C-alpha atoms as a PDB file:
ATOM      1  CA  MET A   1       0.000   0.000   0.000  1.00  0.00           C
ATOM      2  CA  THR A   2       1.294   3.445  -0.931  1.00  0.00           C
ATOM      3  CA  ARG A   3       1.936   5.717   2.039  1.00  0.00           C
ATOM      4  CA  ARG A   4       4.805   7.904   0.906  1.00  0.00           C
ATOM      5  CA  ILE A   5       5.689   9.026  -2.608  1.00  0.00           C
ATOM      6  CA  ALA A   6       8.520  11.082  -4.042  1.00  0.00           C
ATOM      7  CA  VAL A   7       8.525  13.607  -6.865  1.00  0.00           C
ATOM      8  CA  MET A   8      11.602  14.250  -8.983  1.00  0.00           C
ATOM      9  CA  THR A   9      12.475  16.726 -11.741  1.00  0.00           C
ATOM     10  CA  ALA A  10      14.948  15.413 -14.297  1.00  0.00           C
ATOM     11  CA  ASP A  11      17.479  16.981 -16.646  1.00  0.00           C
ATOM     12  CA  GLU A  12      16.791  20.599 -17.655  1.00  0.00           C
ATOM     13  CA  ASP A  13      14.435  22.812 -15.678  1.00  0.00           C
ATOM     14  CA  VAL A  14      11.276  23.640 -17.614  1.00  0.00           C
ATOM     15  CA  PRO A  15       8.733  26.420 -16.931  1.00  0.00           C
ATOM     16  CA  GLY A  16       5.665  24.793 -15.393  1.00  0.00           C
ATOM     17  CA  MET A  17       7.560  22.149 -13.423  1.00  0.00           C
ATOM     18  CA  ASN A  18       6.667  23.854 -10.148  1.00  0.00           C
ATOM     19  CA  ALA A  19       2.996  23.806 -11.063  1.00  0.00           C
ATOM     20  CA  ALA A  20       3.326  20.065 -11.680  1.00  0.00           C
ATOM     21  CA  ILE A  21       5.115  19.603  -8.335  1.00  0.00           C
ATOM     22  CA  ARG A  22       2.255  21.457  -6.662  1.00  0.00           C
ATOM     23  CA  GLY A  23      -0.327  19.277  -8.417  1.00  0.00           C
ATOM     24  CA  VAL A  24       1.492  16.090  -7.431  1.00  0.00           C
ATOM     25  CA  ALA A  25       1.890  17.175  -3.818  1.00  0.00           C
ATOM     26  CA  ARG A  26      -1.665  18.392  -3.312  1.00  0.00           C
ATOM     27  CA  MET A  27      -3.238  15.275  -4.820  1.00  0.00           C
ATOM     28  CA  ALA A  28      -0.926  12.972  -2.849  1.00  0.00           C
ATOM     29  CA  LEU A  29      -1.756  14.794   0.378  1.00  0.00           C
ATOM     30  CA  GLU A  30      -5.435  14.414  -0.506  1.00  0.00           C
ATOM     31  CA  GLN A  31      -4.822  10.646  -0.633  1.00  0.00           C
ATOM     32  CA  GLY A  32      -3.380  10.820   2.879  1.00  0.00           C
ATOM     33  CA  TRP A  33       0.173  10.185   1.665  1.00  0.00           C
ATOM     34  CA  GLN A  34       3.381  11.920   2.634  1.00  0.00           C
ATOM     35  CA  VAL A  35       5.236  13.601  -0.239  1.00  0.00           C
ATOM     36  CA  MET A  36       9.017  13.904  -0.516  1.00  0.00           C
ATOM     37  CA  GLY A  37      11.026  15.945  -3.019  1.00  0.00           C
ATOM     38  CA  VAL A  38      14.091  14.230  -4.502  1.00  0.00           C
ATOM     39  CA  CYS A  39      17.396  16.105  -4.271  1.00  0.00           C
ATOM     40  CA  ALA A  40      20.536  15.645  -6.378  1.00  0.00           C
ATOM     41  CA  ASP A  41      24.042  14.964  -5.109  1.00  0.00           C
ATOM     42  CA  ASP A  42      27.164  16.518  -6.626  1.00  0.00           C
ATOM     43  CA  ASP A  43      27.173  13.948  -9.456  1.00  0.00           C
ATOM     44  CA  GLY A  44      23.560  14.542 -10.449  1.00  0.00           C
ATOM     45  CA  GLN A  45      22.392  11.270  -8.888  1.00  0.00           C
ATOM     46  CA  VAL A  46      19.602  10.789  -6.361  1.00  0.00           C
ATOM     47  CA  ASP A  47      20.812  12.029  -2.987  1.00  0.00           C
ATOM     48  CA  SER A  48      20.071  10.395   0.355  1.00  0.00           C
ATOM     49  CA  LYS A  49      18.395  13.638   1.443  1.00  0.00           C
ATOM     50  CA  PHE A  50      14.777  14.426   0.629  1.00  0.00           C
ATOM     51  CA  ILE A  51      12.593  17.515   1.069  1.00  0.00           C
ATOM     52  CA  ASP A  52       9.283  17.137   2.875  1.00  0.00           C
ATOM     53  CA  LEU A  53       6.659  18.702   0.595  1.00  0.00           C
ATOM     54  CA  THR A  54       3.686  19.950   2.589  1.00  0.00           C
ATOM     55  CA  ALA A  55       0.696  21.983   1.465  1.00  0.00           C
ATOM     56  CA  ARG A  56       2.485  25.056   2.743  1.00  0.00           C
ATOM     57  CA  THR A  57       5.763  24.168   0.990  1.00  0.00           C
ATOM     58  CA  VAL A  58       4.155  24.073  -2.448  1.00  0.00           C
ATOM     59  CA  GLU A  59       1.793  26.998  -2.013  1.00  0.00           C
ATOM     60  CA  GLY A  60       2.561  29.883  -4.356  1.00  0.00           C
ATOM     61  CA  ILE A  61       5.244  28.091  -6.386  1.00  0.00           C
ATOM     62  CA  SER A  62       3.318  27.720  -9.662  1.00  0.00           C
ATOM     63  CA  GLN A  63       4.470  31.113 -10.943  1.00  0.00           C
ATOM     64  CA  TRP A  64       8.154  30.353 -10.375  1.00  0.00           C
ATOM     65  CA  SER A  65      10.316  29.435 -13.339  1.00  0.00           C
ATOM     66  CA  GLY A  66      12.503  26.343 -13.159  1.00  0.00           C
ATOM     67  CA  SER A  67      12.087  23.730 -10.448  1.00  0.00           C
ATOM     68  CA  LEU A  68      11.774  23.903  -6.676  1.00  0.00           C
ATOM     69  CA  LEU A  69      13.842  20.704  -6.629  1.00  0.00           C
ATOM     70  CA  GLU A  70      17.360  20.011  -7.870  1.00  0.00           C
ATOM     71  CA  SER A  71      17.108  18.246 -11.217  1.00  0.00           C
ATOM     72  CA  ILE A  72      18.482  14.706 -11.432  1.00  0.00           C
ATOM     73  CA  SER A  73      20.551  13.523 -14.406  1.00  0.00           C
ATOM     74  CA  SER A  74      18.501  10.966 -16.330  1.00  0.00           C
ATOM     75  CA  SER A  75      21.620   9.352 -17.759  1.00  0.00           C
ATOM     76  CA  GLU A  76      22.787   8.590 -14.233  1.00  0.00           C
ATOM     77  CA  ILE A  77      19.508   6.859 -13.351  1.00  0.00           C
ATOM     78  CA  GLU A  78      19.416   4.903 -16.608  1.00  0.00           C
ATOM     79  CA  SER A  79      22.768   3.296 -15.790  1.00  0.00           C
ATOM     80  CA  GLU A  80      22.671   0.134 -13.710  1.00  0.00           C
ATOM     81  CA  GLY A  81      24.716   1.745 -10.951  1.00  0.00           C
ATOM     82  CA  GLY A  82      22.553   4.871 -10.930  1.00  0.00           C
ATOM     83  CA  SER A  83      19.350   2.842 -10.675  1.00  0.00           C
ATOM     84  CA  ARG A  84      20.748   0.855  -7.731  1.00  0.00           C
ATOM     85  CA  ILE A  85      21.735   4.061  -5.913  1.00  0.00           C
ATOM     86  CA  ALA A  86      18.303   5.606  -6.481  1.00  0.00           C
ATOM     87  CA  LEU A  87      16.424   2.498  -5.339  1.00  0.00           C
ATOM     88  CA  ARG A  88      18.625   2.156  -2.276  1.00  0.00           C
ATOM     89  CA  HIS A  89      17.885   5.733  -1.224  1.00  0.00           C
ATOM     90  CA  PHE A  90      14.166   5.282  -1.917  1.00  0.00           C
ATOM     91  CA  ALA A  91      14.104   2.158   0.237  1.00  0.00           C
ATOM     92  CA  SER A  92      15.993   3.898   3.035  1.00  0.00           C
ATOM     93  CA  ALA A  93      13.488   6.773   2.999  1.00  0.00           C
ATOM     94  CA  GLN A  94      10.554   4.313   2.790  1.00  0.00           C
ATOM     95  CA  ILE A  95       9.386   5.721  -0.530  1.00  0.00           C
ATOM     96  CA  ASP A  96       6.661   3.564  -2.074  1.00  0.00           C
ATOM     97  CA  ALA A  97       6.321   5.194  -5.517  1.00  0.00           C
ATOM     98  CA  LEU A  98       7.748   7.971  -7.662  1.00  0.00           C
ATOM     99  CA  ILE A  99       6.609  10.698 -10.053  1.00  0.00           C
ATOM    100  CA  ILE A 100       9.281  11.942 -12.490  1.00  0.00           C
ATOM    101  CA  ILE A 101       8.772  15.260 -14.281  1.00  0.00           C
ATOM    102  CA  GLY A 102      10.885  15.672 -17.411  1.00  0.00           C
ATOM    103  CA  GLY A 103      11.448  15.107 -21.121  1.00  0.00           C
ATOM    104  CA  ALA A 104      12.444  12.203 -23.337  1.00  0.00           C
ATOM    105  CA  HIS A 105      15.429  11.107 -21.260  1.00  0.00           C
ATOM    106  CA  ALA A 106      13.344  11.281 -18.079  1.00  0.00           C
ATOM    107  CA  GLN A 107      10.833   8.879 -19.620  1.00  0.00           C
ATOM    108  CA  ALA A 108      13.632   6.375 -20.227  1.00  0.00           C
ATOM    109  CA  SER A 109      14.808   6.735 -16.623  1.00  0.00           C
ATOM    110  CA  ALA A 110      11.280   6.148 -15.380  1.00  0.00           C
ATOM    111  CA  ALA A 111      10.933   3.030 -17.505  1.00  0.00           C
ATOM    112  CA  ALA A 112      14.242   1.682 -16.166  1.00  0.00           C
ATOM    113  CA  LEU A 113      13.086   2.105 -12.566  1.00  0.00           C
ATOM    114  CA  ASP A 114       9.565   0.827 -13.223  1.00  0.00           C
ATOM    115  CA  LYS A 115      10.943  -2.371 -14.763  1.00  0.00           C
ATOM    116  CA  THR A 116      12.562  -3.205 -11.422  1.00  0.00           C
ATOM    117  CA  GLY A 117       9.092  -3.328  -9.874  1.00  0.00           C
ATOM    118  CA  PHE A 118       9.300   0.105  -8.274  1.00  0.00           C
ATOM    119  CA  PRO A 119       6.126   2.020  -9.300  1.00  0.00           C
ATOM    120  CA  VAL A 120       6.822   5.114 -11.411  1.00  0.00           C
ATOM    121  CA  ASN A 121       4.641   7.501 -13.438  1.00  0.00           C
ATOM    122  CA  THR A 122       5.827  10.568 -15.313  1.00  0.00           C
ATOM    123  CA  VAL A 123       4.745  14.086 -16.212  1.00  0.00           C
ATOM    124  CA  VAL A 124       5.954  15.028 -19.693  1.00  0.00           C
ATOM    125  CA  ALA A 125       7.890  18.318 -19.576  1.00  0.00           C
ATOM    126  CA  SER A 126       9.977  19.466 -22.550  1.00  0.00           C
ATOM    127  CA  MET A 127      10.270  22.930 -24.068  1.00  0.00           C
ATOM    128  CA  GLU A 128      11.209  21.512 -27.450  1.00  0.00           C
ATOM    129  CA  ASN A 129       8.214  19.127 -27.454  1.00  0.00           C
ATOM    130  CA  ASP A 130      10.309  16.095 -28.354  1.00  0.00           C
ATOM    131  CA  VAL A 131       8.270  13.410 -26.543  1.00  0.00           C
ATOM    132  CA  ALA A 132       6.269  11.271 -28.972  1.00  0.00           C
ATOM    133  CA  GLY A 133       2.571  10.624 -28.505  1.00  0.00           C
ATOM    134  CA  PHE A 134       1.458  13.964 -27.051  1.00  0.00           C
ATOM    135  CA  ASP A 135       0.273  17.204 -28.652  1.00  0.00           C
ATOM    136  CA  THR A 136       2.220  19.453 -26.337  1.00  0.00           C
ATOM    137  CA  ALA A 137       4.536  19.053 -23.363  1.00  0.00           C
ATOM    138  CA  LEU A 138       4.809  21.153 -20.251  1.00  0.00           C
ATOM    139  CA  GLY A 139       6.894  24.257 -21.022  1.00  0.00           C
ATOM    140  CA  VAL A 140       6.211  24.453 -24.759  1.00  0.00           C
ATOM    141  CA  ASP A 141       3.615  27.222 -24.532  1.00  0.00           C
ATOM    142  CA  THR A 142       5.807  29.328 -22.242  1.00  0.00           C
ATOM    143  CA  GLY A 143       8.847  28.875 -24.453  1.00  0.00           C
ATOM    144  CA  ILE A 144       7.079  29.889 -27.636  1.00  0.00           C
ATOM    145  CA  ASN A 145       5.431  32.913 -26.014  1.00  0.00           C
ATOM    146  CA  ALA A 146       8.758  34.035 -24.556  1.00  0.00           C
ATOM    147  CA  ALA A 147      10.336  33.741 -28.008  1.00  0.00           C
ATOM    148  CA  LEU A 148       7.515  35.733 -29.601  1.00  0.00           C
ATOM    149  CA  ASP A 149       7.811  38.485 -27.021  1.00  0.00           C
ATOM    150  CA  THR A 150      11.573  38.755 -27.449  1.00  0.00           C
ATOM    151  CA  ILE A 151      11.500  38.683 -31.251  1.00  0.00           C
ATOM    152  CA  ASP A 152       8.641  41.195 -31.400  1.00  0.00           C
ATOM    153  CA  ARG A 153      10.759  43.571 -29.311  1.00  0.00           C
ATOM    154  CA  LEU A 154      13.713  43.058 -31.638  1.00  0.00           C
ATOM    155  CA  LYS A 155      11.561  43.781 -34.676  1.00  0.00           C
ATOM    156  CA  MET A 156      10.146  46.979 -33.166  1.00  0.00           C
ATOM    157  CA  SER A 157      13.544  48.635 -33.711  1.00  0.00           C
ATOM    158  CA  PRO A 158      14.099  48.971 -37.477  1.00  0.00           C
ATOM    159  CA  PHE A 159      17.385  47.602 -38.768  1.00  0.00           C
ATOM    160  CA  THR A 160      18.988  50.567 -40.492  1.00  0.00           C
ATOM    161  CA  ASP A 161      21.566  48.446 -42.265  1.00  0.00           C
ATOM    162  CA  ASN A 162      19.126  45.845 -43.674  1.00  0.00           C
ATOM    163  CA  ALA A 163      21.060  43.111 -41.880  1.00  0.00           C
ATOM    164  CA  THR A 164      19.918  39.510 -41.838  1.00  0.00           C
ATOM    165  CA  PHE A 165      18.731  38.728 -38.324  1.00  0.00           C
ATOM    166  CA  ILE A 166      19.392  35.181 -37.053  1.00  0.00           C
ATOM    167  CA  VAL A 167      17.554  34.147 -33.878  1.00  0.00           C
ATOM    168  CA  GLU A 168      18.347  30.874 -32.092  1.00  0.00           C
ATOM    169  CA  VAL A 169      15.607  29.211 -30.025  1.00  0.00           C
ATOM    170  CA  VAL A 170      15.243  25.964 -28.069  1.00  0.00           C
ATOM    171  CA  GLY A 171      15.336  22.685 -29.961  1.00  0.00           C
ATOM    172  CA  ARG A 172      18.258  20.265 -29.686  1.00  0.00           C
ATOM    173  CA  VAL A 173      16.623  17.306 -31.418  1.00  0.00           C
ATOM    174  CA  CYS A 174      13.122  18.515 -32.307  1.00  0.00           C
ATOM    175  CA  GLY A 175      12.184  21.525 -34.434  1.00  0.00           C
ATOM    176  CA  TYR A 176       8.594  21.972 -33.252  1.00  0.00           C
ATOM    177  CA  SER A 177       9.254  25.080 -31.174  1.00  0.00           C
ATOM    178  CA  ALA A 178      11.424  26.705 -33.829  1.00  0.00           C
ATOM    179  CA  LEU A 179       8.937  25.951 -36.586  1.00  0.00           C
ATOM    180  CA  THR A 180       5.958  27.246 -34.620  1.00  0.00           C
ATOM    181  CA  THR A 181       7.857  30.372 -33.586  1.00  0.00           C
ATOM    182  CA  GLY A 182       8.926  30.980 -37.176  1.00  0.00           C
ATOM    183  CA  ILE A 183       5.352  30.812 -38.438  1.00  0.00           C
ATOM    184  CA  LEU A 184       4.051  33.176 -35.779  1.00  0.00           C
ATOM    185  CA  VAL A 185       6.756  35.847 -36.166  1.00  0.00           C
ATOM    186  CA  GLY A 186       6.828  35.730 -39.950  1.00  0.00           C
ATOM    187  CA  ALA A 187      10.304  34.256 -40.356  1.00  0.00           C
ATOM    188  CA  ASP A 188      11.696  33.921 -43.865  1.00  0.00           C
ATOM    189  CA  ALA A 189      13.386  30.630 -43.055  1.00  0.00           C
ATOM    190  CA  VAL A 190      13.365  28.141 -40.202  1.00  0.00           C
ATOM    191  CA  ILE A 191      16.285  25.789 -39.669  1.00  0.00           C
ATOM    192  CA  VAL A 192      15.422  22.625 -37.716  1.00  0.00           C
ATOM    193  CA  PRO A 193      17.445  19.586 -36.550  1.00  0.00           C
ATOM    194  CA  GLU A 194      15.388  17.143 -38.600  1.00  0.00           C
ATOM    195  CA  VAL A 195      16.471  18.618 -41.940  1.00  0.00           C
ATOM    196  CA  VAL A 196      20.090  19.109 -42.988  1.00  0.00           C
ATOM    197  CA  VAL A 197      20.778  22.361 -44.868  1.00  0.00           C
ATOM    198  CA  THR A 198      23.913  24.084 -46.083  1.00  0.00           C
ATOM    199  CA  PRO A 199      24.927  27.755 -45.873  1.00  0.00           C
ATOM    200  CA  ASP A 200      24.654  27.945 -49.679  1.00  0.00           C
ATOM    201  CA  GLN A 201      20.994  26.912 -49.516  1.00  0.00           C
ATOM    202  CA  ILE A 202      20.347  29.496 -46.841  1.00  0.00           C
ATOM    203  CA  ALA A 203      22.155  32.170 -48.872  1.00  0.00           C
ATOM    204  CA  LEU A 204      19.901  31.407 -51.833  1.00  0.00           C
ATOM    205  CA  THR A 205      16.892  31.873 -49.576  1.00  0.00           C
ATOM    206  CA  LEU A 206      18.192  35.194 -48.283  1.00  0.00           C
ATOM    207  CA  ARG A 207      18.897  36.525 -51.758  1.00  0.00           C
ATOM    208  CA  GLY A 208      15.343  35.641 -52.745  1.00  0.00           C
ATOM    209  CA  VAL A 209      13.958  37.541 -49.762  1.00  0.00           C
ATOM    210  CA  TYR A 210      16.056  40.631 -50.537  1.00  0.00           C
ATOM    211  CA  GLU A 211      14.910  40.567 -54.152  1.00  0.00           C
ATOM    212  CA  GLN A 212      11.228  40.358 -53.254  1.00  0.00           C
ATOM    213  CA  ALA A 213      11.047  42.334 -50.027  1.00  0.00           C
ATOM    214  CA  GLY A 214      14.168  44.451 -50.132  1.00  0.00           C
ATOM    215  CA  ALA A 215      14.619  44.383 -46.360  1.00  0.00           C
ATOM    216  CA  HIS A 216      16.153  42.505 -43.451  1.00  0.00           C
ATOM    217  CA  PRO A 217      15.267  38.783 -43.527  1.00  0.00           C
ATOM    218  CA  LEU A 218      14.584  36.932 -40.290  1.00  0.00           C
ATOM    219  CA  ILE A 219      15.866  33.386 -39.781  1.00  0.00           C
ATOM    220  CA  ILE A 220      14.788  31.206 -36.846  1.00  0.00           C
ATOM    221  CA  VAL A 221      17.317  28.522 -35.939  1.00  0.00           C
ATOM    222  CA  ALA A 222      16.853  25.623 -33.524  1.00  0.00           C
ATOM    223  CA  GLU A 223      19.857  25.347 -31.196  1.00  0.00           C
ATOM    224  CA  GLY A 224      20.624  21.741 -32.165  1.00  0.00           C
ATOM    225  CA  VAL A 225      21.230  22.256 -35.882  1.00  0.00           C
ATOM    226  CA  THR A 226      24.681  21.872 -37.402  1.00  0.00           C
ATOM    227  CA  TYR A 227      24.760  25.464 -38.632  1.00  0.00           C
ATOM    228  CA  ASN A 228      23.496  27.179 -35.505  1.00  0.00           C
ATOM    229  CA  ALA A 229      23.067  30.946 -35.136  1.00  0.00           C
ATOM    230  CA  HIS A 230      26.710  31.548 -34.274  1.00  0.00           C
ATOM    231  CA  ARG A 231      28.061  29.588 -37.225  1.00  0.00           C
ATOM    232  CA  LEU A 232      25.588  31.204 -39.614  1.00  0.00           C
ATOM    233  CA  HIS A 233      26.425  34.630 -38.259  1.00  0.00           C
ATOM    234  CA  ASN A 234      30.128  34.050 -38.843  1.00  0.00           C
ATOM    235  CA  HIS A 235      29.383  32.793 -42.343  1.00  0.00           C
ATOM    236  CA  PHE A 236      27.210  35.749 -43.343  1.00  0.00           C
ATOM    237  CA  ALA A 237      28.637  38.474 -41.085  1.00  0.00           C
ATOM    238  CA  LYS A 238      30.472  40.442 -43.752  1.00  0.00           C
ATOM    239  CA  GLY A 239      27.847  40.063 -46.451  1.00  0.00           C
ATOM    240  CA  GLU A 240      29.968  38.362 -49.106  1.00  0.00           C
ATOM    241  CA  HIS A 241      27.347  35.685 -49.733  1.00  0.00           C
ATOM    242  CA  THR A 242      24.196  37.822 -49.730  1.00  0.00           C
ATOM    243  CA  GLY A 243      25.388  41.408 -50.079  1.00  0.00           C
ATOM    244  CA  HIS A 244      24.109  42.199 -46.584  1.00  0.00           C
ATOM    245  CA  SER A 245      25.534  41.810 -43.093  1.00  0.00           C
ATOM    246  CA  ALA A 246      24.124  39.515 -40.395  1.00  0.00           C
ATOM    247  CA  ARG A 247      23.308  39.785 -36.711  1.00  0.00           C
ATOM    248  CA  GLU A 248      22.542  37.044 -34.186  1.00  0.00           C
ATOM    249  CA  ALA A 249      20.451  36.713 -31.037  1.00  0.00           C
ATOM    250  CA  LEU A 250      20.535  33.629 -28.784  1.00  0.00           C
ATOM    251  CA  ILE A 251      17.294  33.564 -26.801  1.00  0.00           C
ATOM    252  CA  ALA A 252      16.985  29.935 -25.645  1.00  0.00           C
ATOM    253  CA  HIS A 253      18.162  30.976 -22.183  1.00  0.00           C
ATOM    254  CA  VAL A 254      15.403  33.618 -22.089  1.00  0.00           C
ATOM    255  CA  GLN A 255      12.834  30.946 -22.916  1.00  0.00           C
ATOM    256  CA  ARG A 256      14.086  28.593 -20.198  1.00  0.00           C
ATOM    257  CA  ARG A 257      13.995  31.315 -17.536  1.00  0.00           C
ATOM    258  CA  ALA A 258      10.559  32.671 -18.452  1.00  0.00           C
ATOM    259  CA  ALA A 259       7.717  32.671 -15.928  1.00  0.00           C
ATOM    260  CA  PRO A 260       5.305  29.867 -16.885  1.00  0.00           C
ATOM    261  CA  SER A 261       2.263  30.863 -18.900  1.00  0.00           C
ATOM    262  CA  ALA A 262      -1.281  30.400 -17.612  1.00  0.00           C
ATOM    263  CA  PHE A 263      -1.654  27.380 -19.894  1.00  0.00           C
ATOM    264  CA  ASP A 264       1.504  25.685 -18.605  1.00  0.00           C
ATOM    265  CA  ARG A 265       0.546  26.350 -14.990  1.00  0.00           C
ATOM    266  CA  MET A 266      -2.867  24.785 -15.541  1.00  0.00           C
ATOM    267  CA  ILE A 267      -1.711  21.689 -17.429  1.00  0.00           C
ATOM    268  CA  GLY A 268       1.153  21.244 -14.969  1.00  0.00           C
ATOM    269  CA  ILE A 269      -1.305  21.058 -12.087  1.00  0.00           C
ATOM    270  CA  LYS A 270      -3.788  18.847 -13.967  1.00  0.00           C
ATOM    271  CA  VAL A 271      -1.215  16.399 -15.345  1.00  0.00           C
ATOM    272  CA  GLY A 272       0.595  16.179 -12.008  1.00  0.00           C
ATOM    273  CA  MET A 273      -2.637  15.365 -10.200  1.00  0.00           C
ATOM    274  CA  SER A 274      -3.588  12.743 -12.792  1.00  0.00           C
ATOM    275  CA  ALA A 275      -0.227  10.973 -12.445  1.00  0.00           C
ATOM    276  CA  VAL A 276      -0.859  10.618  -8.693  1.00  0.00           C
ATOM    277  CA  GLU A 277      -4.480   9.528  -9.126  1.00  0.00           C
ATOM    278  CA  ALA A 278      -3.219   6.717 -11.357  1.00  0.00           C
ATOM    279  CA  LEU A 279      -0.863   5.540  -8.609  1.00  0.00           C
ATOM    280  CA  ALA A 280      -3.802   5.537  -6.206  1.00  0.00           C
ATOM    281  CA  ARG A 281      -5.576   3.182  -8.620  1.00  0.00           C
ATOM    282  CA  GLY A 282      -2.520   0.940  -8.751  1.00  0.00           C
ATOM    283  CA  GLU A 283      -1.551   2.101 -12.253  1.00  0.00           C
ATOM    284  CA  HIS A 284       2.104   2.791 -12.984  1.00  0.00           C
ATOM    285  CA  GLY A 285       4.573   2.690 -15.868  1.00  0.00           C
ATOM    286  CA  ARG A 286       2.649   5.497 -17.606  1.00  0.00           C
ATOM    287  CA  ALA A 287       3.575   8.866 -19.073  1.00  0.00           C
ATOM    288  CA  PHE A 288       1.051  11.663 -18.533  1.00  0.00           C
ATOM    289  CA  GLY A 289       0.772  14.626 -20.873  1.00  0.00           C
ATOM    290  CA  TRP A 290      -1.607  16.782 -22.910  1.00  0.00           C
ATOM    291  CA  ARG A 291      -3.341  15.372 -25.991  1.00  0.00           C
ATOM    292  CA  ARG A 292      -6.576  16.343 -27.723  1.00  0.00           C
ATOM    293  CA  SER A 293      -7.198  19.163 -25.240  1.00  0.00           C
ATOM    294  CA  GLU A 294      -7.149  16.931 -22.167  1.00  0.00           C
ATOM    295  CA  VAL A 295      -4.856  14.957 -19.894  1.00  0.00           C
ATOM    296  CA  SER A 296      -3.804  11.727 -21.537  1.00  0.00           C
ATOM    297  CA  ALA A 297      -1.705   8.737 -20.476  1.00  0.00           C
ATOM    298  CA  LEU A 298       0.451   6.405 -22.537  1.00  0.00           C
ATOM    299  CA  PRO A 299       2.468   3.357 -21.477  1.00  0.00           C
ATOM    300  CA  LEU A 300       6.117   4.306 -21.033  1.00  0.00           C
ATOM    301  CA  ALA A 301       6.966   1.564 -23.515  1.00  0.00           C
ATOM    302  CA  ASP A 302       5.102   3.563 -26.204  1.00  0.00           C
ATOM    303  CA  VAL A 303       7.084   6.724 -25.444  1.00  0.00           C
ATOM    304  CA  VAL A 304      10.652   5.666 -24.628  1.00  0.00           C
ATOM    305  CA  GLY A 305      13.139   5.682 -27.487  1.00  0.00           C
ATOM    306  CA  LYS A 306      10.844   7.662 -29.789  1.00  0.00           C
ATOM    307  CA  THR A 307      11.090  11.288 -30.841  1.00  0.00           C
ATOM    308  CA  ARG A 308       8.186  13.401 -31.968  1.00  0.00           C
ATOM    309  CA  ALA A 309       8.150  13.550 -35.770  1.00  0.00           C
ATOM    310  CA  LEU A 310       8.349  16.897 -37.517  1.00  0.00           C
ATOM    311  CA  ASP A 311       4.849  18.174 -38.273  1.00  0.00           C
ATOM    312  CA  GLU A 312       4.447  18.220 -42.057  1.00  0.00           C
ATOM    313  CA  ASP A 313       1.410  20.524 -41.836  1.00  0.00           C
ATOM    314  CA  LEU A 314       3.480  23.100 -39.948  1.00  0.00           C
ATOM    315  CA  MET A 315       6.219  22.762 -42.575  1.00  0.00           C
ATOM    316  CA  ARG A 316       3.754  23.492 -45.388  1.00  0.00           C
ATOM    317  CA  LEU A 317       2.257  26.412 -43.479  1.00  0.00           C
ATOM    318  CA  ALA A 318       5.692  27.916 -42.883  1.00  0.00           C
ATOM    319  CA  SER A 319       6.471  27.630 -46.595  1.00  0.00           C
ATOM    320  CA  LEU A 320       3.191  29.261 -47.635  1.00  0.00           C
ATOM    321  CA  LEU A 321       3.711  32.201 -45.288  1.00  0.00           C
ATOM    322  CA  SER A 322       7.305  32.873 -46.304  1.00  0.00           C
ATOM    323  CA  LEU A 323       8.029  36.119 -48.200  1.00  0.00           C
ATOM    324  CA  ALA A 324      10.219  34.433 -50.781  1.00  0.00           C
ATOM    325  CA  ASP A 325       8.578  31.638 -52.744  1.00  0.00           C
ATOM    326  CA  SER A 326      11.759  29.576 -52.651  1.00  0.00           C
ATOM    327  CA  SER A 327      12.871  30.318 -49.099  1.00  0.00           C
ATOM    328  CA  MET A 328      11.241  27.545 -47.115  1.00  0.00           C
ATOM    329  CA  ALA A 329      11.511  25.047 -49.917  1.00  0.00           C
ATOM    330  CA  GLN A 330      15.247  25.611 -50.136  1.00  0.00           C
ATOM    331  CA  THR A 331      15.852  25.259 -46.401  1.00  0.00           C
ATOM    332  CA  HIS A 332      13.617  22.268 -45.891  1.00  0.00           C
END
C-alpha cells in the first residue's frame, strides 16, 4: 500500500515544473500520503536527502520558473549503478512510488526504474516538445510565447543596415518550437534539426527575400542544428554571400527562464494530479501529458526511445507564409 511518494524533476528545468510539483503534492496529500522531493548529489544522482513537501511548501510556487527541486541527471539513473543508488535511497526513505517530471530522457529513466518493480509515473515536460505521442509538453507554450515576445521587441527597432537577423531558439533534437515560432513571427526561413541544410541553400533563400522584399530577412534557428546561429552569423557576417551583413540573437536561455504561462501552470497542475491519481488506482509505468485538449496517459513503452516527428502541416504552413517563394523550400 502506498503511504509515501517522491517527486523528482529530471534533466533541464522547464517552466511549469513547479505547477506540476504542486499538483502532485496536493493530490498525494489528498490521498493521505506523505510527499518527498528528490534532491541531487554533486554527481547529479539521487541524494540520500529528501525535502518534505507539505501543502504550505508548495503553495505559491506555480508562478516560479525552473524547479523547486534540484534536477536529477537521467543518464545517471538509466545506468545500472545509478538505478541501484536511487532504489537504495528510496528504500531507506521508505518511498513507495515515484513521479518523475521531465522530457524524453526522463521517460527512459522512469521506464528503467519501473521495470525493477518500483512504481513510477511521469509528467511530460519538454520545451522543445520532443516526446512522442502527445500534442504538447509542459513548457512548450511558455517557451514559444517568450520567443515571440523577445522577437517582437527586436523587430520593433528597425534595422537601419538591412542586416539579416538570425535568432536561435530551443530545440536540440526537435524543431517543433522553432517551426511554430517561425510561423508566428513571420520568419523567412526556419532551420530545424530534422532537416540538414547548407549555408549555400540558406544564402539562396536570403537573396530571394532581398529581391522580393528588399529588407532585413529573419531566420529562426533551432539550437541543435549543425549550422546554428553563431556559425551562420560568422558565415554571413560580412555580407559576401548575400550582399548584406548579419546579426545574431541567442534567446533559448530567455525561454528557459521565463515565468510559466497560464496554460503551462494549468496543465502542470492537472497532469501532475492525474499521475498521482493513477498511482492511487494501482496504475504505474505510464507517461502523462496533454493530448486532444485533455490529460492523456500512454504506457512508457510507447514513449521511450521515440522522438516526436516533424509536423508536415506546420512545414507546409511555414512555406506558404514565407516572403520568398523559394525560401522555405530551399531550407527544408
